[in-house]
Protein backbone atom coordinates (compact mmCIF):
# COMPACT_ATOMS: atom_id res chain seq x y z
CA UNK A 1 4.52 -12.56 -21.83
CA UNK A 2 7.47 -11.64 -24.06
CA UNK A 3 9.03 -13.99 -26.57
CA UNK A 4 12.34 -13.92 -24.68
CA UNK A 5 10.60 -14.62 -21.39
CA UNK A 6 8.82 -17.64 -22.86
CA UNK A 7 11.88 -19.05 -24.57
CA UNK A 8 14.57 -18.23 -22.02
CA UNK A 9 12.90 -18.61 -18.62
CA UNK A 10 14.95 -21.77 -18.17
CA UNK A 11 18.08 -19.61 -17.92
CA UNK A 12 16.69 -17.86 -14.84
CA UNK A 13 15.79 -21.19 -13.27
CA UNK A 14 19.32 -22.49 -13.79
CA UNK A 15 20.79 -19.31 -12.29
CA UNK A 16 18.56 -19.62 -9.23
CA UNK A 17 19.30 -23.32 -8.79
CA UNK A 18 23.07 -22.98 -9.20
CA UNK A 19 23.86 -19.57 -7.82
CA UNK A 20 20.83 -18.40 -5.85
CA UNK A 21 19.56 -14.84 -5.87
CA UNK A 22 23.07 -13.42 -6.16
CA UNK A 23 23.40 -14.99 -9.62
CA UNK A 24 20.46 -12.89 -10.80
CA UNK A 25 21.25 -9.69 -8.90
CA UNK A 26 24.90 -9.56 -7.78
CA UNK A 27 25.21 -8.00 -4.34
CA UNK A 28 21.50 -7.26 -4.00
CA UNK A 29 21.28 -8.90 -0.59
CA UNK A 30 22.94 -5.85 0.94
CA UNK A 31 20.33 -3.60 -0.64
CA UNK A 32 17.42 -5.75 0.48
CA UNK A 33 18.66 -5.56 4.09
CA UNK A 34 18.27 -1.76 3.82
CA UNK A 35 14.70 -2.42 2.67
CA UNK A 36 13.75 -4.34 5.80
CA UNK A 37 14.77 -7.90 4.94
CA UNK A 38 16.67 -9.84 7.57
CA UNK A 39 19.53 -11.85 6.07
CA UNK A 40 18.45 -14.99 7.93
CA UNK A 41 14.98 -14.78 6.38
CA UNK A 42 16.57 -14.23 3.00
CA UNK A 43 18.73 -17.33 3.36
CA UNK A 44 15.75 -19.43 4.43
CA UNK A 45 13.77 -18.33 1.38
CA UNK A 46 16.44 -19.15 -1.16
CA UNK A 47 17.24 -22.46 0.48
CA UNK A 48 13.74 -23.42 -0.68
CA UNK A 49 14.03 -22.09 -4.23
CA UNK A 50 15.28 -24.02 -7.25
CA UNK A 51 13.28 -22.18 -9.92
CA UNK A 52 11.34 -18.98 -10.36
CA UNK A 53 7.96 -20.63 -9.95
CA UNK A 54 8.90 -21.53 -6.36
CA UNK A 55 9.45 -17.94 -5.24
CA UNK A 56 5.90 -16.97 -4.15
CA UNK A 57 5.57 -20.03 -1.94
CA UNK A 58 9.00 -19.60 -0.37
CA UNK A 59 8.50 -15.90 0.39
CA UNK A 60 5.04 -16.55 1.80
CA UNK A 61 6.17 -19.48 3.92
CA UNK A 62 9.01 -17.61 5.65
CA UNK A 63 6.82 -14.50 5.95
CA UNK A 64 4.28 -16.59 7.82
CA UNK A 65 6.93 -17.68 10.30
CA UNK A 66 7.96 -14.08 10.99
CA UNK A 67 4.33 -13.02 11.35
CA UNK A 68 3.61 -15.80 13.82
CA UNK A 69 6.59 -14.81 15.94
CA UNK A 70 5.52 -11.15 15.76
CA UNK A 71 2.06 -12.08 17.04
CA UNK A 72 3.63 -13.98 19.94
CA UNK A 73 5.69 -10.99 21.04
CA UNK A 74 2.78 -8.62 20.62
CA UNK A 75 0.63 -10.81 22.87
CA UNK A 76 3.31 -10.60 25.55
CA UNK A 77 3.67 -6.83 25.31
CA UNK A 78 7.04 -6.62 23.55
CA UNK A 79 6.04 -3.90 21.14
CA UNK A 80 9.29 -3.08 19.41
CA UNK A 81 10.23 -6.73 18.89
CA UNK A 82 6.78 -7.40 17.47
CA UNK A 83 6.82 -4.40 15.15
CA UNK A 84 10.25 -5.34 13.79
CA UNK A 85 9.03 -8.85 13.02
CA UNK A 86 5.85 -7.54 11.40
CA UNK A 87 8.07 -5.45 9.13
CA UNK A 88 10.09 -8.51 8.14
CA UNK A 89 6.87 -10.36 7.39
CA UNK A 90 5.41 -7.45 5.43
CA UNK A 91 8.32 -7.10 3.03
CA UNK A 92 8.36 -10.85 2.42
CA UNK A 93 4.61 -11.00 1.74
CA UNK A 94 5.28 -8.07 -0.58
CA UNK A 95 7.90 -10.11 -2.47
CA UNK A 96 5.48 -13.05 -2.66
CA UNK A 97 2.66 -11.05 -4.21
CA UNK A 98 5.05 -9.26 -6.55
CA UNK A 99 6.07 -12.61 -8.02
CA UNK A 100 2.56 -13.09 -9.44
CA UNK A 101 2.09 -10.98 -12.60
CA UNK A 102 -1.69 -11.25 -12.77
CA UNK A 103 -3.86 -8.71 -10.97
CA UNK A 104 -6.88 -10.99 -11.20
CA UNK A 105 -5.13 -13.85 -9.39
CA UNK A 106 -6.78 -14.27 -5.98
CA UNK A 107 -3.49 -15.45 -4.51
CA UNK A 108 -1.94 -12.07 -5.26
CA UNK A 109 -4.80 -10.35 -3.44
CA UNK A 110 -4.54 -12.71 -0.47
CA UNK A 111 -0.81 -12.11 -0.13
CA UNK A 112 -1.39 -8.36 -0.38
CA UNK A 113 -3.90 -8.61 2.48
CA UNK A 114 -1.31 -10.34 4.67
CA UNK A 115 1.21 -7.61 3.81
CA UNK A 116 -1.33 -4.91 4.68
CA UNK A 117 -2.20 -6.61 7.97
CA UNK A 118 1.46 -6.69 9.01
CA UNK A 119 1.93 -3.02 8.10
CA UNK A 120 -1.18 -2.08 10.08
CA UNK A 121 0.13 -3.94 13.11
CA UNK A 122 3.59 -2.36 12.97
CA UNK A 123 2.02 1.08 12.46
CA UNK A 124 -0.11 0.74 15.58
CA UNK A 125 2.84 -0.57 17.57
CA UNK A 126 4.86 2.47 16.45
CA UNK A 127 2.24 4.97 17.62
CA UNK A 128 0.68 5.38 14.17
CA UNK A 129 3.69 7.19 12.76
CA UNK A 130 3.22 5.10 9.60
CA UNK A 131 -0.05 6.03 7.88
CA UNK A 132 -1.80 5.00 4.70
CA UNK A 133 -2.30 7.52 1.93
CA UNK A 134 -4.71 7.15 -0.99
CA UNK A 135 -4.98 9.87 -3.64
CA UNK A 136 -7.21 10.24 -6.67
CA UNK A 137 -5.31 10.25 -9.94
CA UNK A 138 -6.63 9.92 -13.49
CA UNK A 139 -9.85 8.42 -12.17
CA UNK A 140 -8.00 5.74 -10.20
CA UNK A 141 -6.05 5.58 -6.91
CA UNK A 142 -2.45 6.14 -5.95
CA UNK A 143 -1.23 4.36 -2.80
CA UNK A 144 1.55 5.47 -0.46
CA UNK A 145 2.74 5.30 3.14
CA UNK A 146 3.38 8.48 5.12
CA UNK A 147 6.21 8.29 7.66
CA UNK A 148 6.15 10.91 10.41
CA UNK A 149 8.80 11.85 12.99
CA UNK A 150 8.14 10.86 16.59
CA UNK A 151 7.98 14.53 17.61
CA UNK A 152 5.39 16.61 15.79
CA UNK A 153 7.09 19.43 13.91
CA UNK A 154 6.21 22.33 11.65
CA UNK A 155 7.95 23.40 8.46
CA UNK A 156 9.97 20.21 8.20
CA UNK A 157 11.51 19.16 4.90
CA UNK A 158 9.87 16.22 3.15
CA UNK A 159 11.29 13.55 0.86
CA UNK A 160 9.45 11.29 -1.57
CA UNK A 161 10.95 7.79 -1.55
CA UNK A 162 10.58 6.34 -5.03
CA UNK A 163 10.70 2.56 -5.51
CA UNK A 164 12.36 0.69 -8.33
CA UNK A 165 10.42 -1.17 -10.99
CA UNK A 166 10.07 -4.29 -8.85
CA UNK A 167 9.56 -2.58 -5.48
CA UNK A 168 6.54 -1.52 -3.43
CA UNK A 169 5.91 1.23 -0.89
CA UNK A 170 6.44 -1.13 2.06
CA UNK A 171 10.05 -1.61 1.02
CA UNK A 172 10.92 1.81 2.42
CA UNK A 173 9.51 1.48 5.95
CA UNK A 174 12.90 0.74 7.51
CA UNK A 175 14.83 3.28 5.41
CA UNK A 176 12.24 5.99 6.09
CA UNK A 177 12.73 5.60 9.83
CA UNK A 178 16.49 5.12 9.81
CA UNK A 179 17.45 7.92 7.43
CA UNK A 180 14.57 10.42 7.60
CA UNK A 181 12.01 10.45 10.41
CA UNK A 182 14.66 9.89 13.09
CA UNK A 183 16.12 13.21 11.88
CA UNK A 184 12.81 15.07 11.92
CA UNK A 185 12.13 14.62 8.19
CA UNK A 186 8.72 13.68 6.80
CA UNK A 187 8.97 10.84 4.28
CA UNK A 188 6.45 9.46 1.80
CA UNK A 189 7.11 6.04 0.27
CA UNK A 190 5.09 5.81 -2.91
CA UNK A 191 3.75 3.46 -5.53
CA UNK A 192 3.47 5.12 -8.89
CA UNK A 193 1.43 3.94 -11.86
CA UNK A 194 2.22 0.31 -12.58
CA UNK A 195 3.46 -0.57 -9.09
CA UNK A 196 2.02 -2.49 -6.16
CA UNK A 197 -1.56 -1.78 -5.12
CA UNK A 198 -1.69 1.09 -7.60
CA UNK A 199 -1.23 -1.41 -10.46
CA UNK A 200 -3.40 -4.12 -8.91
CA UNK A 201 -6.34 -1.74 -8.93
CA UNK A 202 -5.90 -0.83 -12.56
CA UNK A 203 -3.51 2.13 -12.90
CA UNK A 204 -0.83 1.26 -15.45
CA UNK A 205 2.33 3.19 -16.26
CA UNK A 206 2.60 5.16 -19.49
CA UNK A 207 5.17 7.48 -20.95
CA UNK A 208 4.47 10.50 -18.74
CA UNK A 209 1.95 9.60 -16.03
CA UNK A 210 4.54 8.58 -13.43
CA UNK A 211 6.04 12.06 -13.19
CA UNK A 212 2.53 13.51 -12.96
CA UNK A 213 1.89 11.10 -10.10
CA UNK A 214 5.05 12.37 -8.39
CA UNK A 215 3.61 15.88 -8.58
CA UNK A 216 0.34 14.64 -7.07
CA UNK A 217 2.29 13.19 -4.16
CA UNK A 218 4.30 16.41 -3.81
CA UNK A 219 1.09 18.45 -3.68
CA UNK A 220 -0.19 16.16 -0.93
CA UNK A 221 2.98 16.74 1.09
CA UNK A 222 2.81 20.49 0.51
CA UNK A 223 -0.64 20.52 2.10
CA UNK A 224 0.48 18.85 5.34
CA UNK A 225 0.91 21.16 8.36
CA UNK A 226 4.18 19.40 9.24
CA UNK A 227 5.80 20.16 5.87
CA UNK A 228 7.62 23.18 4.47
CA UNK A 229 6.19 23.25 0.94
CA UNK A 230 9.36 24.89 -0.39
CA UNK A 231 11.55 21.97 0.77
CA UNK A 232 10.23 18.84 -0.92
CA UNK A 233 12.74 16.51 -2.57
CA UNK A 234 12.98 12.97 -3.88
CA UNK A 235 15.20 9.93 -3.39
CA UNK A 236 14.79 7.45 -6.22
CA UNK A 237 16.49 4.20 -7.15
CA UNK A 238 16.49 2.31 -10.45
CA UNK A 239 13.36 3.14 -12.47
CA UNK A 240 12.22 5.76 -9.97
CA UNK A 241 15.58 7.43 -10.48
CA UNK A 242 14.60 7.67 -14.14
CA UNK A 243 11.13 8.98 -13.25
CA UNK A 244 12.59 11.47 -10.77
CA UNK A 245 14.77 12.95 -13.53
CA UNK A 246 11.71 13.21 -15.77
CA UNK A 247 9.82 14.98 -12.98
CA UNK A 248 12.73 17.35 -12.36
CA UNK A 249 12.64 18.34 -16.04
CA UNK A 250 9.13 19.77 -15.67
CA UNK A 251 9.14 23.57 -15.28
CA UNK A 252 6.25 23.33 -12.79
CA UNK A 253 7.66 20.63 -10.50
CA UNK A 254 7.39 21.10 -6.75
CA UNK A 255 10.55 19.05 -6.29
CA UNK A 256 13.43 21.15 -5.02
CA UNK A 257 16.09 18.47 -5.56
CA UNK A 258 16.46 14.79 -6.43
CA UNK A 259 19.02 12.16 -5.45
CA UNK A 260 18.93 9.29 -7.95
CA UNK A 261 20.79 5.99 -7.97
CA UNK A 262 20.90 3.29 -10.64
CA UNK A 263 18.64 5.43 -12.85
CA UNK A 264 17.89 3.69 -16.13
CA UNK A 265 18.90 6.39 -18.58
CA UNK A 266 20.17 4.63 -21.69
CA UNK A 267 18.35 3.53 -24.84
CA UNK A 268 16.35 0.84 -22.99
CA UNK A 269 17.61 -1.82 -25.38
CA UNK A 270 19.85 -3.12 -22.61
CA UNK A 271 17.14 -3.53 -19.98
CA UNK A 272 14.45 -4.83 -22.35
CA UNK A 273 16.43 -6.90 -24.86
CA UNK A 274 19.77 -7.86 -23.30
CA UNK A 275 19.19 -8.13 -19.53
CA UNK A 276 17.18 -10.81 -17.76
CA UNK A 277 14.05 -11.71 -19.78
CA UNK A 278 11.85 -11.07 -16.75
CA UNK A 279 12.53 -7.31 -16.77
CA UNK A 280 10.61 -6.66 -19.98
CA UNK A 281 7.86 -9.07 -18.96
CA UNK A 282 7.49 -7.18 -15.68
CA UNK A 283 7.38 -3.76 -17.33
CA UNK A 284 4.81 -4.90 -19.89
CA UNK A 285 2.62 -5.99 -16.98
CA UNK A 286 3.15 -2.63 -15.30
CA UNK A 287 2.17 -0.86 -18.52
CA UNK A 288 -0.80 -3.15 -19.20
CA UNK A 289 0.55 -4.56 -22.47
CA UNK A 290 0.23 -8.11 -23.76
CA UNK A 291 1.33 -7.24 -27.32
CA UNK A 292 5.13 -7.01 -27.32
CA UNK A 293 5.34 -5.22 -30.68
CA UNK A 294 2.84 -2.59 -29.58
CA UNK A 295 4.82 -2.08 -26.36
CA UNK A 296 8.02 -1.58 -28.35
CA UNK A 297 6.38 0.98 -30.61
CA UNK A 298 4.38 2.86 -27.98
CA UNK A 299 6.82 2.95 -25.09
CA UNK A 300 10.25 1.39 -25.45
CA UNK A 301 11.59 3.57 -28.24
CA UNK A 302 10.17 6.73 -26.66
CA UNK A 303 11.43 6.17 -23.11
CA UNK A 304 15.09 7.31 -23.31
CA UNK A 305 15.69 10.61 -21.52
CA UNK A 306 17.84 12.12 -24.24
CA UNK A 307 17.78 15.91 -24.20
CA UNK A 308 14.84 16.02 -21.78
CA UNK A 309 17.34 16.38 -18.94
CA UNK A 310 18.54 19.68 -20.38
CA UNK A 311 15.33 21.18 -18.95
CA UNK A 312 16.33 20.36 -15.35
CA UNK A 313 17.08 23.55 -13.40
CA UNK A 314 17.40 22.36 -9.80
CA UNK A 315 20.11 20.26 -8.11
CA UNK A 316 20.33 16.57 -9.01
CA UNK A 317 22.58 13.72 -7.94
CA UNK A 318 23.29 10.67 -10.08
CA UNK A 319 24.93 7.54 -8.67
CA UNK A 320 25.58 4.27 -10.50
CA UNK A 321 27.64 1.09 -10.34
CA UNK A 322 30.61 0.76 -12.67
CA UNK A 323 29.12 -2.41 -14.15
CA UNK A 324 25.39 -1.65 -13.90
CA UNK A 325 23.79 -4.33 -16.06
CA UNK A 326 20.76 -2.20 -16.97
CA UNK A 327 22.50 1.07 -17.86
CA UNK A 328 26.10 0.99 -19.10
CA UNK A 329 28.10 3.54 -17.14
CA UNK A 330 28.99 5.45 -20.31
CA UNK A 331 25.25 5.98 -20.94
CA UNK A 332 24.77 7.32 -17.42
CA UNK A 333 27.72 9.65 -17.85
CA UNK A 334 26.31 10.83 -21.19
CA UNK A 335 23.02 11.68 -19.48
CA UNK A 336 24.94 13.54 -16.81
CA UNK A 337 26.83 15.57 -19.41
CA UNK A 338 23.56 16.83 -20.88
CA UNK A 339 22.40 18.26 -17.53
CA UNK A 340 23.22 21.94 -17.10
CA UNK A 341 21.64 22.37 -13.64
CA UNK A 342 23.72 22.11 -10.44
CA UNK A 343 24.71 18.45 -10.41
CA UNK A 344 26.81 15.71 -8.85
CA UNK A 345 27.89 12.30 -10.18
CA UNK A 346 29.28 9.27 -8.35
CA UNK A 347 30.36 6.01 -9.95
CA UNK A 348 30.98 3.08 -7.59
CA UNK A 349 33.83 0.81 -8.61
CA UNK A 350 33.00 -2.85 -9.19
CA UNK A 351 29.32 -2.46 -8.33
CA UNK A 352 26.36 -3.80 -10.30
CA UNK A 353 22.83 -2.44 -10.60
CA UNK A 354 21.70 -3.12 -7.01
CA UNK A 355 24.73 -1.26 -5.54
CA UNK A 356 24.52 -3.93 -2.84
CA UNK A 357 28.13 -3.64 -1.71
CA UNK A 358 27.65 0.05 -0.89
CA UNK A 359 23.93 0.07 -0.12
CA UNK A 360 24.22 1.37 3.46
CA UNK A 361 26.52 4.15 2.27
CA UNK A 362 24.27 5.03 -0.68
CA UNK A 363 21.08 5.26 1.40
CA UNK A 364 22.77 7.42 4.04
CA UNK A 365 24.57 9.61 1.51
CA UNK A 366 21.44 10.03 -0.61
CA UNK A 367 19.51 11.26 2.41
CA UNK A 368 22.33 13.60 3.48
CA UNK A 369 22.68 14.98 -0.03
CA UNK A 370 19.01 15.65 -0.68
CA UNK A 371 18.55 17.34 2.71
CA UNK A 372 21.51 19.65 2.10
CA UNK A 373 20.14 20.37 -1.38
CA UNK A 374 16.75 21.27 0.10
CA UNK A 375 18.54 23.81 2.30
CA UNK A 376 19.99 25.44 -0.81
CA UNK A 377 23.61 24.38 -0.33
CA UNK A 378 24.01 23.17 -3.92
CA UNK A 379 22.29 25.98 -5.80
CA UNK A 380 25.45 27.50 -7.29
CA UNK A 381 25.15 27.90 -11.08
CA UNK A 382 27.59 25.61 -12.86
CA UNK A 383 28.08 23.33 -9.86
CA UNK A 384 29.57 20.08 -11.19
CA UNK A 385 30.96 17.55 -8.68
CA UNK A 386 32.30 14.22 -9.93
CA UNK A 387 33.71 11.33 -7.94
CA UNK A 388 34.85 7.81 -8.78
CA UNK A 389 34.29 5.86 -5.57
CA UNK A 390 37.06 3.29 -5.47
CA UNK A 391 36.69 -0.19 -4.01
CA UNK A 392 39.72 0.41 -1.78
CA UNK A 393 37.76 3.03 0.18
CA UNK A 394 39.29 6.02 -1.53
CA UNK A 395 37.65 8.43 -3.93
CA UNK A 396 39.00 9.99 -7.11
CA UNK A 397 37.97 13.62 -6.99
CA UNK A 398 37.09 15.60 -10.09
CA UNK A 399 36.21 12.71 -12.41
CA UNK A 400 33.63 9.93 -12.31
CA UNK A 401 35.22 8.01 -15.20
CA UNK A 402 36.48 4.50 -14.36
CA UNK A 403 40.22 4.78 -13.87
CA UNK A 404 41.07 1.92 -16.19
CA UNK A 405 39.85 4.09 -19.09
CA UNK A 406 43.16 5.97 -18.67
CA UNK A 407 41.62 9.30 -19.59
CA UNK A 408 39.94 7.97 -22.73
CA UNK A 409 36.20 7.41 -23.09
CA UNK A 410 33.85 5.22 -25.17
CA UNK A 411 32.99 6.76 -28.54
CA UNK A 412 29.33 7.50 -27.71
CA UNK A 413 30.31 9.34 -24.54
CA UNK A 414 33.12 11.16 -26.28
CA UNK A 415 30.60 12.38 -28.88
CA UNK A 416 28.33 13.82 -26.18
CA UNK A 417 31.27 15.52 -24.49
CA UNK A 418 32.42 17.05 -27.75
CA UNK A 419 28.99 18.47 -28.55
CA UNK A 420 27.74 19.51 -25.11
CA UNK A 421 29.06 22.47 -23.15
CA UNK A 422 29.30 21.55 -19.48
CA UNK A 423 29.92 24.40 -17.04
CA UNK A 424 32.05 23.22 -14.14
CA UNK A 425 33.18 24.81 -10.91
CA UNK A 426 36.15 22.45 -10.70
CA UNK A 427 37.11 22.02 -14.33
CA UNK A 428 36.76 18.27 -13.99
CA UNK A 429 35.23 15.19 -15.48
CA UNK A 430 35.92 15.74 -19.16
CA UNK A 431 33.83 18.90 -19.45
CA UNK A 432 34.02 20.30 -22.94
């Protein structure tokens, strides 16, 4: 546990008690609904929570209610109703086990078993279009869920769905169906090193193993008869947006395009030293560290993307909230400036890290964008599309800078723009 987590955990408890989940993650409820959570379940959980230590029990308790109701409907032959309730139970059991940062804790394993059971039931009720995937990697196992269209196809595009730091593969079951398989797209929701079952069984995250894991998943997809191996892309949010950009920088990547949102791309001081104390504690668990100083030396200072993104050659999309609490928008824009591949940037006015107020739009747009990119629509050299998505429903074309900047920019961003040549098809966005 980190020093800040030990000394400042009381601040999280006060936030939960006084303001609920929204005090910790403004607007995140909208995002969680896209990940399979029903808002009524969510409200029941946080009505029971006054401090962080109460979270596992509350999630598990309400998950049990949804599972019991799912079983009832399954017994009476109402398959779709039952499978929807099993999904609600699964994502809540997933939240419950996530809240325990100790892989040896039997409670974590028991909650994982309940989550797995619910996923197995919903998979069978949906004609086994959701299937488990286990792949060997560095002597350990990667875990994922494969989501297949209802109609068997050949040469379909495929998209890897990358979870954020505190997400698991089950969180994408609803999104995979709604935005991908219903359109004939094969989807693979993954757990990389340090996440979910992959972490529980001993595979920690390092500096470069996550992007290698992405390639392992891409190779798996390329070998499926349903998949066109030349059209494999990725949708990543939060930390998997960061990892997707790292993967795209590899000259040997199978990824044809990547849509990233909320990607952590700054100096990591914000997320690990200024944001909620639990973030660093969580990532140290994911990385297998108990020594905070060693973590800082081995990982934290080496994690920023920096000029690595200059090696990206294929289309990428970056989207971020204007007030993202983990990556200041000027840092995200600086990362964007360094990219010379075909690219697009969207900044969402007034939004925080979860992008909760625009979550439905972001998930739909991300899927649309990556599918068009896989078809080669964005391959033009020098492509540079920038948009500031205003809260009033409009969009400022040609620049992603917040409008209140009045054409100026923070000094760090201005430095990047003055030293980086950005080729643009529309002459926009402060290109030097």
